[in-house]
């Protein structure tokens, strides 16, 4: 092998590889709605891994730094319970809470029968975290 060819091969080994788009990523968006104070809605694009849970996508989004924050408590019987989104906390005294809704691909909005720790989003669903009163 010639020295020029060896140098070119060495350079190719040293160059960082461009990450390939992971085919196991399921794109979703998370929309935050505050129906109590009517603050502007915020929408955040993110993804879940194939058959991954919503909580994983929420953690990934929080850790990526676009301004999305959330807190939850862990109930020993029912799992994660969303308590706060972007600094807005639900309160039994004020009768406020965070509601989980899902806008399906056809536009239908449904209330899942599971929470953030068990819900498995489908591609292109819009997850709606809605601050509400009861």
C-alpha atoms as a PDB file:
ATOM      1  CA  UNK A   1       0.000   0.000   0.000  1.00  0.00           C
ATOM      2  CA  UNK A   2       1.330   3.464  -0.849  1.00  0.00           C
ATOM      3  CA  UNK A   3       1.969   6.045   1.886  1.00  0.00           C
ATOM      4  CA  UNK A   4      -0.731   8.350   0.459  1.00  0.00           C
ATOM      5  CA  UNK A   5      -3.324   5.596   0.608  1.00  0.00           C
ATOM      6  CA  UNK A   6      -2.314   4.727   4.160  1.00  0.00           C
ATOM      7  CA  UNK A   7      -2.618   8.397   5.171  1.00  0.00           C
ATOM      8  CA  UNK A   8      -6.081   8.638   3.621  1.00  0.00           C
ATOM      9  CA  UNK A   9      -7.195   5.455   5.403  1.00  0.00           C
ATOM     10  CA  UNK A  10      -5.876   6.791   8.711  1.00  0.00           C
ATOM     11  CA  UNK A  11      -7.742  10.082   8.248  1.00  0.00           C
ATOM     12  CA  UNK A  12     -10.995   8.220   7.598  1.00  0.00           C
ATOM     13  CA  UNK A  13     -10.528   6.289  10.830  1.00  0.00           C
ATOM     14  CA  UNK A  14      -9.966   9.491  12.807  1.00  0.00           C
ATOM     15  CA  UNK A  15     -12.962  11.411  11.448  1.00  0.00           C
ATOM     16  CA  UNK A  16     -16.061  11.216  13.629  1.00  0.00           C
ATOM     17  CA  UNK A  17     -18.904   9.346  12.013  1.00  0.00           C
ATOM     18  CA  UNK A  18     -22.154  11.208  11.468  1.00  0.00           C
ATOM     19  CA  UNK A  19     -24.836   9.624  13.595  1.00  0.00           C
ATOM     20  CA  UNK A  20     -27.420   7.831  11.516  1.00  0.00           C
ATOM     21  CA  UNK A  21     -31.107   8.505  12.112  1.00  0.00           C
ATOM     22  CA  UNK A  22     -32.230   5.709  14.414  1.00  0.00           C
ATOM     23  CA  UNK A  23     -35.043   3.767  12.795  1.00  0.00           C
ATOM     24  CA  UNK A  24     -36.205   2.786  16.278  1.00  0.00           C
ATOM     25  CA  UNK A  25     -37.242   6.389  17.086  1.00  0.00           C
ATOM     26  CA  UNK A  26     -40.970   7.119  17.106  1.00  0.00           C
ATOM     27  CA  UNK A  27     -41.567  10.885  16.664  1.00  0.00           C
ATOM     28  CA  UNK A  28     -44.147  12.537  18.916  1.00  0.00           C
ATOM     29  CA  UNK A  29     -44.818  16.018  20.220  1.00  0.00           C
ATOM     30  CA  UNK A  30     -45.713  17.178  23.713  1.00  0.00           C
ATOM     31  CA  UNK A  31     -48.105  20.120  23.974  1.00  0.00           C
ATOM     32  CA  UNK A  32     -48.456  21.962  27.282  1.00  0.00           C
ATOM     33  CA  UNK A  33     -51.797  23.711  27.783  1.00  0.00           C
ATOM     34  CA  UNK A  34     -52.749  25.797  30.811  1.00  0.00           C
ATOM     35  CA  UNK A  35     -56.536  26.166  30.775  1.00  0.00           C
ATOM     36  CA  UNK A  36     -56.543  27.796  34.227  1.00  0.00           C
ATOM     37  CA  UNK A  37     -54.478  30.917  33.478  1.00  0.00           C
ATOM     38  CA  UNK A  38     -54.679  30.774  29.678  1.00  0.00           C
ATOM     39  CA  UNK A  39     -50.925  31.224  29.247  1.00  0.00           C
ATOM     40  CA  UNK A  40     -49.641  30.526  25.706  1.00  0.00           C
ATOM     41  CA  UNK A  41     -49.441  26.854  24.745  1.00  0.00           C
ATOM     42  CA  UNK A  42     -46.013  25.336  24.179  1.00  0.00           C
ATOM     43  CA  UNK A  43     -45.261  22.424  21.841  1.00  0.00           C
ATOM     44  CA  UNK A  44     -42.062  20.373  22.046  1.00  0.00           C
ATOM     45  CA  UNK A  45     -40.960  17.792  19.458  1.00  0.00           C
ATOM     46  CA  UNK A  46     -39.396  14.632  20.863  1.00  0.00           C
ATOM     47  CA  UNK A  47     -39.464  10.872  20.379  1.00  0.00           C
ATOM     48  CA  UNK A  48     -39.805   7.551  22.112  1.00  0.00           C
ATOM     49  CA  UNK A  49     -37.812   4.473  21.291  1.00  0.00           C
ATOM     50  CA  UNK A  50     -39.747   1.628  19.689  1.00  0.00           C
ATOM     51  CA  UNK A  51     -42.475   0.592  22.171  1.00  0.00           C
ATOM     52  CA  UNK A  52     -41.017   3.029  24.732  1.00  0.00           C
ATOM     53  CA  UNK A  53     -43.097   4.751  27.407  1.00  0.00           C
ATOM     54  CA  UNK A  54     -44.090   8.409  27.529  1.00  0.00           C
ATOM     55  CA  UNK A  55     -42.077   9.019  30.699  1.00  0.00           C
ATOM     56  CA  UNK A  56     -38.892   8.147  28.774  1.00  0.00           C
ATOM     57  CA  UNK A  57     -39.689  10.741  26.094  1.00  0.00           C
ATOM     58  CA  UNK A  58     -40.456  13.334  28.773  1.00  0.00           C
ATOM     59  CA  UNK A  59     -37.128  12.684  30.517  1.00  0.00           C
ATOM     60  CA  UNK A  60     -35.264  12.858  27.194  1.00  0.00           C
ATOM     61  CA  UNK A  61     -36.963  16.168  26.398  1.00  0.00           C
ATOM     62  CA  UNK A  62     -36.221  17.598  29.861  1.00  0.00           C
ATOM     63  CA  UNK A  63     -32.578  16.554  29.648  1.00  0.00           C
ATOM     64  CA  UNK A  64     -32.122  18.014  26.135  1.00  0.00           C
ATOM     65  CA  UNK A  65     -32.611  21.543  27.480  1.00  0.00           C
ATOM     66  CA  UNK A  66     -35.348  23.222  25.392  1.00  0.00           C
ATOM     67  CA  UNK A  67     -37.085  24.595  28.506  1.00  0.00           C
ATOM     68  CA  UNK A  68     -39.410  21.669  29.243  1.00  0.00           C
ATOM     69  CA  UNK A  69     -39.479  20.730  32.932  1.00  0.00           C
ATOM     70  CA  UNK A  70     -41.699  18.403  34.900  1.00  0.00           C
ATOM     71  CA  UNK A  71     -42.004  16.687  38.262  1.00  0.00           C
ATOM     72  CA  UNK A  72     -43.888  13.631  39.344  1.00  0.00           C
ATOM     73  CA  UNK A  73     -44.404  11.570  42.451  1.00  0.00           C
ATOM     74  CA  UNK A  74     -44.121   7.814  42.529  1.00  0.00           C
ATOM     75  CA  UNK A  75     -47.198   6.119  43.952  1.00  0.00           C
ATOM     76  CA  UNK A  76     -46.351   2.598  45.197  1.00  0.00           C
ATOM     77  CA  UNK A  77     -49.584   1.194  43.751  1.00  0.00           C
ATOM     78  CA  UNK A  78     -50.264   3.294  40.666  1.00  0.00           C
ATOM     79  CA  UNK A  79     -46.825   4.433  39.481  1.00  0.00           C
ATOM     80  CA  UNK A  80     -45.749   7.931  38.362  1.00  0.00           C
ATOM     81  CA  UNK A  81     -48.216  10.765  38.958  1.00  0.00           C
ATOM     82  CA  UNK A  82     -47.522  14.055  37.124  1.00  0.00           C
ATOM     83  CA  UNK A  83     -47.485  16.950  39.631  1.00  0.00           C
ATOM     84  CA  UNK A  84     -45.797  19.867  37.855  1.00  0.00           C
ATOM     85  CA  UNK A  85     -44.985  21.011  34.307  1.00  0.00           C
ATOM     86  CA  UNK A  86     -42.786  24.037  33.527  1.00  0.00           C
ATOM     87  CA  UNK A  87     -43.039  25.224  37.138  1.00  0.00           C
ATOM     88  CA  UNK A  88     -46.851  25.038  37.346  1.00  0.00           C
ATOM     89  CA  UNK A  89     -47.929  22.667  40.124  1.00  0.00           C
ATOM     90  CA  UNK A  90     -51.306  21.077  40.690  1.00  0.00           C
ATOM     91  CA  UNK A  91     -52.937  21.752  44.054  1.00  0.00           C
ATOM     92  CA  UNK A  92     -55.760  19.955  45.883  1.00  0.00           C
ATOM     93  CA  UNK A  93     -56.474  23.215  47.742  1.00  0.00           C
ATOM     94  CA  UNK A  94     -56.929  25.105  44.435  1.00  0.00           C
ATOM     95  CA  UNK A  95     -58.517  22.006  42.856  1.00  0.00           C
ATOM     96  CA  UNK A  96     -56.015  21.968  39.969  1.00  0.00           C
ATOM     97  CA  UNK A  97     -54.231  19.056  38.330  1.00  0.00           C
ATOM     98  CA  UNK A  98     -52.346  17.959  35.190  1.00  0.00           C
ATOM     99  CA  UNK A  99     -54.467  15.934  32.801  1.00  0.00           C
ATOM    100  CA  UNK A 100     -52.953  13.560  30.230  1.00  0.00           C
ATOM    101  CA  UNK A 101     -54.659  13.595  26.823  1.00  0.00           C
ATOM    102  CA  UNK A 102     -53.579  12.224  23.441  1.00  0.00           C
ATOM    103  CA  UNK A 103     -54.411  13.613  20.015  1.00  0.00           C
ATOM    104  CA  UNK A 104     -54.422  10.644  17.659  1.00  0.00           C
ATOM    105  CA  UNK A 105     -53.284  10.811  14.029  1.00  0.00           C
ATOM    106  CA  UNK A 106     -56.902  11.241  12.853  1.00  0.00           C
ATOM    107  CA  UNK A 107     -57.411  14.264  15.139  1.00  0.00           C
ATOM    108  CA  UNK A 108     -59.438  12.509  17.846  1.00  0.00           C
ATOM    109  CA  UNK A 109     -58.469  13.516  21.404  1.00  0.00           C
ATOM    110  CA  UNK A 110     -58.644  10.703  23.955  1.00  0.00           C
ATOM    111  CA  UNK A 111     -57.876  10.258  27.642  1.00  0.00           C
ATOM    112  CA  UNK A 112     -55.626   7.190  27.972  1.00  0.00           C
ATOM    113  CA  UNK A 113     -56.534   4.640  30.615  1.00  0.00           C
ATOM    114  CA  UNK A 114     -52.906   4.625  31.838  1.00  0.00           C
ATOM    115  CA  UNK A 115     -50.528   7.367  32.956  1.00  0.00           C
ATOM    116  CA  UNK A 116     -47.125   8.700  31.911  1.00  0.00           C
ATOM    117  CA  UNK A 117     -45.315   5.612  33.224  1.00  0.00           C
ATOM    118  CA  UNK A 118     -47.289   3.116  31.129  1.00  0.00           C
ATOM    119  CA  UNK A 119     -48.536   4.985  28.058  1.00  0.00           C
ATOM    120  CA  UNK A 120     -46.785   3.882  24.840  1.00  0.00           C
ATOM    121  CA  UNK A 121     -47.133   6.659  22.226  1.00  0.00           C
ATOM    122  CA  UNK A 122     -47.691   5.872  18.569  1.00  0.00           C
ATOM    123  CA  UNK A 123     -45.855   7.718  15.771  1.00  0.00           C
ATOM    124  CA  UNK A 124     -46.844  11.367  15.299  1.00  0.00           C
ATOM    125  CA  UNK A 125     -49.219  11.501  18.251  1.00  0.00           C
ATOM    126  CA  UNK A 126     -49.543  14.777  20.099  1.00  0.00           C
ATOM    127  CA  UNK A 127     -49.339  14.236  23.832  1.00  0.00           C
ATOM    128  CA  UNK A 128     -51.308  16.944  25.625  1.00  0.00           C
ATOM    129  CA  UNK A 129     -50.432  17.863  29.192  1.00  0.00           C
ATOM    130  CA  UNK A 130     -53.345  20.076  30.227  1.00  0.00           C
ATOM    131  CA  UNK A 131     -53.450  22.042  33.468  1.00  0.00           C
ATOM    132  CA  UNK A 132     -57.069  21.945  34.559  1.00  0.00           C
ATOM    133  CA  UNK A 133     -59.526  22.473  37.411  1.00  0.00           C
ATOM    134  CA  UNK A 134     -61.906  19.949  38.899  1.00  0.00           C
END
